[in-house]
Amino acid sequence: MIVITNPTAVRNEISIIHSLFENGLELLHIRKPDYSEAEMVSFLTAIGSDSSKQLVLHSHHHLADYFGINRLHSPKDVKKIVNPIFSTSTHSIAEFNALEENYSYAFLSPVYPSISKQGYTSTENHLEAIKERSNFNTKLVALGGISAENIAETLKKGFDEVALLGTIWNSTNTLENFKKCQQIVHSF
């Protein structure tokens, strides 16, 4: 199970991130599109080097080597990264099927109406379109509207994994919601 940071700062975000890692979070995608380089350095420093192998950078990829991060999302320049692991985002099963083999996994979104982006839905029914999957070299990760209420259905339909954003950061009890989602994922 993957968690993606809220694009903007969240109250007690670093403490929450530490709690998520302490409770078994495997991968955290750092998606802060409007962060300056200085803000990103501060954010990554606050998370700490103990978690560097569990972090995925969406921007400021040039900081990866300095922080010991080898996971990059949609990288543009990867000259200095040792044993990089790449991920990307797709919005249709055709786009996912056409990916090159250098991606370890890819998000397909939004599977359900987005929790964090009001009104953001897909024109494609990804739960049905997954039947047309022909790319089995890349793990298929469901994103968009994923919550404890639909994780089981999503995994049963054929997604390899789920990624959470809105259900985590919009929750009144982030850690308990994370644990609930994690328990469902671990039951598969």
Protein backbone atom coordinates (compact mmCIF):
# COMPACT_ATOMS: atom_id res chain seq x y z
CA MET A 1 0.00 0.00 0.00
CA ILE A 2 1.30 3.39 -1.03
CA VAL A 3 0.51 6.75 0.56
CA ILE A 4 0.95 10.00 -1.36
CA THR A 5 1.53 13.23 0.54
CA ASN A 6 -1.06 15.95 0.35
CA PRO A 7 0.11 18.45 -2.30
CA THR A 8 0.02 21.27 0.25
CA ALA A 9 1.27 21.32 3.82
CA VAL A 10 -0.84 19.55 6.44
CA ARG A 11 -0.85 20.33 10.14
CA ASN A 12 1.51 17.94 12.01
CA GLU A 13 2.40 16.33 8.67
CA ILE A 14 5.88 15.18 9.67
CA SER A 15 4.60 13.61 12.90
CA ILE A 16 1.86 11.86 10.95
CA ILE A 17 4.38 10.58 8.40
CA HIS A 18 6.59 9.22 11.19
CA SER A 19 3.54 7.49 12.72
CA LEU A 20 2.62 5.96 9.37
CA PHE A 21 6.13 4.54 8.96
CA GLU A 22 6.10 3.25 12.55
CA ASN A 23 2.87 1.43 11.71
CA GLY A 24 4.13 -0.29 8.59
CA LEU A 25 3.88 2.19 5.71
CA GLU A 26 5.98 0.72 2.91
CA LEU A 27 6.17 3.61 0.42
CA LEU A 28 5.52 7.33 0.68
CA HIS A 29 5.31 9.37 -2.50
CA ILE A 30 6.47 12.92 -1.86
CA ARG A 31 4.22 15.00 -4.09
CA LYS A 32 4.62 18.67 -3.29
CA PRO A 33 4.37 20.32 -6.73
CA ASP A 34 4.60 23.90 -5.47
CA TYR A 35 7.47 23.38 -3.04
CA SER A 36 10.65 25.29 -3.75
CA GLU A 37 13.94 23.44 -3.54
CA ALA A 38 14.55 24.90 -0.06
CA GLU A 39 11.10 23.78 1.13
CA MET A 40 11.70 20.29 -0.27
CA VAL A 41 15.11 20.05 1.44
CA SER A 42 13.52 21.10 4.73
CA PHE A 43 10.67 18.60 4.29
CA LEU A 44 12.98 15.68 3.45
CA THR A 45 15.34 16.58 6.29
CA ALA A 46 12.43 16.58 8.73
CA ILE A 47 11.32 13.13 7.55
CA GLY A 48 14.85 11.86 8.19
CA SER A 49 17.28 9.53 6.48
CA ASP A 50 15.92 6.39 8.19
CA SER A 51 13.06 6.39 5.67
CA SER A 52 14.99 7.29 2.51
CA LYS A 53 14.54 3.84 0.91
CA GLN A 54 10.77 4.20 1.38
CA LEU A 55 10.46 7.62 -0.25
CA VAL A 56 9.54 8.38 -3.85
CA LEU A 57 10.24 11.86 -5.24
CA HIS A 58 7.76 13.43 -7.66
CA SER A 59 9.85 16.57 -8.14
CA HIS A 60 13.29 17.93 -7.35
CA HIS A 61 14.76 14.62 -8.55
CA HIS A 62 18.24 16.11 -8.35
CA LEU A 63 17.96 15.89 -4.53
CA ALA A 64 17.59 12.10 -4.61
CA ASP A 65 21.29 11.29 -4.44
CA TYR A 66 21.93 13.69 -1.55
CA PHE A 67 19.10 12.15 0.50
CA GLY A 68 19.83 8.54 -0.48
CA ILE A 69 16.53 8.19 -2.36
CA ASN A 70 16.50 5.80 -5.32
CA ARG A 71 12.79 5.94 -6.20
CA LEU A 72 11.59 8.56 -8.67
CA HIS A 73 8.17 9.26 -10.13
CA SER A 74 8.19 10.26 -13.81
CA PRO A 75 11.88 11.20 -13.77
CA LYS A 76 13.40 13.53 -16.31
CA ASP A 77 17.09 13.34 -15.33
CA VAL A 78 18.52 10.32 -13.52
CA LYS A 79 22.26 10.56 -14.13
CA LYS A 80 23.46 10.13 -10.53
CA ILE A 81 20.89 7.72 -9.12
CA VAL A 82 22.20 4.27 -8.18
CA ASN A 83 19.80 1.40 -8.95
CA PRO A 84 16.84 3.67 -9.62
CA ILE A 85 13.25 2.47 -9.33
CA PHE A 86 10.82 4.34 -11.55
CA SER A 87 7.08 4.87 -11.32
CA THR A 88 4.69 6.94 -13.38
CA SER A 89 1.04 7.94 -13.70
CA THR A 90 -1.45 6.86 -16.35
CA HIS A 91 -5.07 7.75 -16.95
CA SER A 92 -6.25 4.95 -19.24
CA ILE A 93 -5.58 1.25 -19.57
CA ALA A 94 -4.30 1.87 -23.10
CA GLU A 95 -1.73 4.32 -21.74
CA PHE A 96 -0.75 1.80 -19.04
CA ASN A 97 -0.43 -1.04 -21.57
CA ALA A 98 1.87 1.12 -23.74
CA LEU A 99 4.41 1.79 -20.97
CA GLU A 100 8.02 0.84 -21.51
CA GLU A 101 9.42 -1.88 -19.28
CA ASN A 102 11.58 0.49 -17.22
CA TYR A 103 8.68 1.32 -14.86
CA SER A 104 8.37 -0.80 -11.74
CA TYR A 105 4.77 0.32 -11.23
CA ALA A 106 2.29 2.86 -12.52
CA PHE A 107 -0.75 4.56 -11.08
CA LEU A 108 -4.00 4.30 -13.01
CA SER A 109 -6.33 7.09 -11.93
CA PRO A 110 -8.86 8.07 -10.99
CA VAL A 111 -10.47 4.69 -10.34
CA TYR A 112 -13.29 6.25 -8.30
CA PRO A 113 -14.30 9.91 -7.92
CA SER A 114 -11.39 11.64 -6.21
CA ILE A 115 -11.61 12.35 -2.49
CA SER A 116 -9.03 15.14 -2.54
CA LYS A 117 -10.01 16.80 -5.85
CA GLN A 118 -13.73 17.56 -5.89
CA GLY A 119 -15.33 16.70 -9.24
CA TYR A 120 -12.31 14.80 -10.57
CA THR A 121 -13.49 11.61 -12.26
CA SER A 122 -12.48 9.48 -15.21
CA THR A 123 -14.20 9.11 -18.54
CA GLU A 124 -13.07 5.46 -18.50
CA ASN A 125 -14.44 2.87 -16.07
CA HIS A 126 -11.07 1.56 -14.89
CA LEU A 127 -12.64 -1.34 -12.99
CA GLU A 128 -14.00 -2.65 -16.29
CA ALA A 129 -11.13 -1.51 -18.50
CA ILE A 130 -8.66 -3.54 -16.43
CA LYS A 131 -9.92 -6.59 -18.34
CA GLU A 132 -7.99 -5.19 -21.32
CA ARG A 133 -4.70 -5.19 -19.41
CA SER A 134 -1.85 -6.59 -21.48
CA ASN A 135 1.12 -5.11 -19.59
CA PHE A 136 2.12 -7.50 -16.82
CA ASN A 137 5.74 -6.26 -16.54
CA THR A 138 4.61 -3.18 -14.63
CA LYS A 139 2.60 -3.35 -11.39
CA LEU A 140 -0.78 -1.69 -11.74
CA VAL A 141 -1.63 0.60 -8.81
CA ALA A 142 -5.14 1.99 -8.30
CA LEU A 143 -5.32 5.66 -7.35
CA GLY A 144 -8.20 8.07 -6.98
CA GLY A 145 -11.05 7.72 -4.53
CA ILE A 146 -9.48 4.69 -2.86
CA SER A 147 -10.76 4.16 0.69
CA ALA A 148 -11.42 1.38 3.19
CA GLU A 149 -14.87 1.00 1.60
CA ASN A 150 -13.56 0.02 -1.85
CA ILE A 151 -10.05 -1.42 -1.43
CA ALA A 152 -11.27 -5.03 -1.42
CA GLU A 153 -13.30 -4.57 -4.62
CA THR A 154 -10.39 -2.80 -6.30
CA LEU A 155 -7.92 -5.58 -5.54
CA LYS A 156 -10.43 -8.28 -6.50
CA LYS A 157 -10.86 -6.64 -9.92
CA GLY A 158 -7.15 -7.15 -10.67
CA PHE A 159 -5.18 -4.16 -9.45
CA ASP A 160 -1.84 -5.19 -7.94
CA GLU A 161 -1.83 -2.48 -5.29
CA VAL A 162 -3.58 0.67 -4.11
CA ALA A 163 -2.37 4.19 -3.41
CA LEU A 164 -4.04 6.48 -0.88
CA LEU A 165 -4.13 10.24 -0.72
CA GLY A 166 -7.48 11.87 0.14
CA THR A 167 -8.68 9.08 2.43
CA ILE A 168 -5.54 9.58 4.53
CA TRP A 169 -5.09 13.36 4.58
CA ASN A 170 -8.80 14.28 4.73
CA SER A 171 -9.46 11.89 7.62
CA THR A 172 -10.17 13.12 11.13
CA ASN A 173 -8.15 10.17 12.46
CA THR A 174 -5.39 9.62 9.93
CA LEU A 175 -3.54 6.83 11.71
CA GLU A 176 -6.63 4.74 12.47
CA ASN A 177 -7.86 5.13 8.91
CA PHE A 178 -4.43 4.08 7.62
CA LYS A 179 -4.44 0.98 9.85
CA LYS A 180 -7.94 0.05 8.68
CA CYS A 181 -6.92 0.32 5.02
CA GLN A 182 -3.68 -1.54 5.68
CA GLN A 183 -5.55 -4.40 7.36
CA ILE A 184 -7.78 -4.79 4.30
CA VAL A 185 -4.78 -4.79 1.94
CA HIS A 186 -2.96 -7.38 4.07
CA SER A 187 -6.00 -9.66 3.92
CA PHE A 188 -5.33 -10.19 0.18
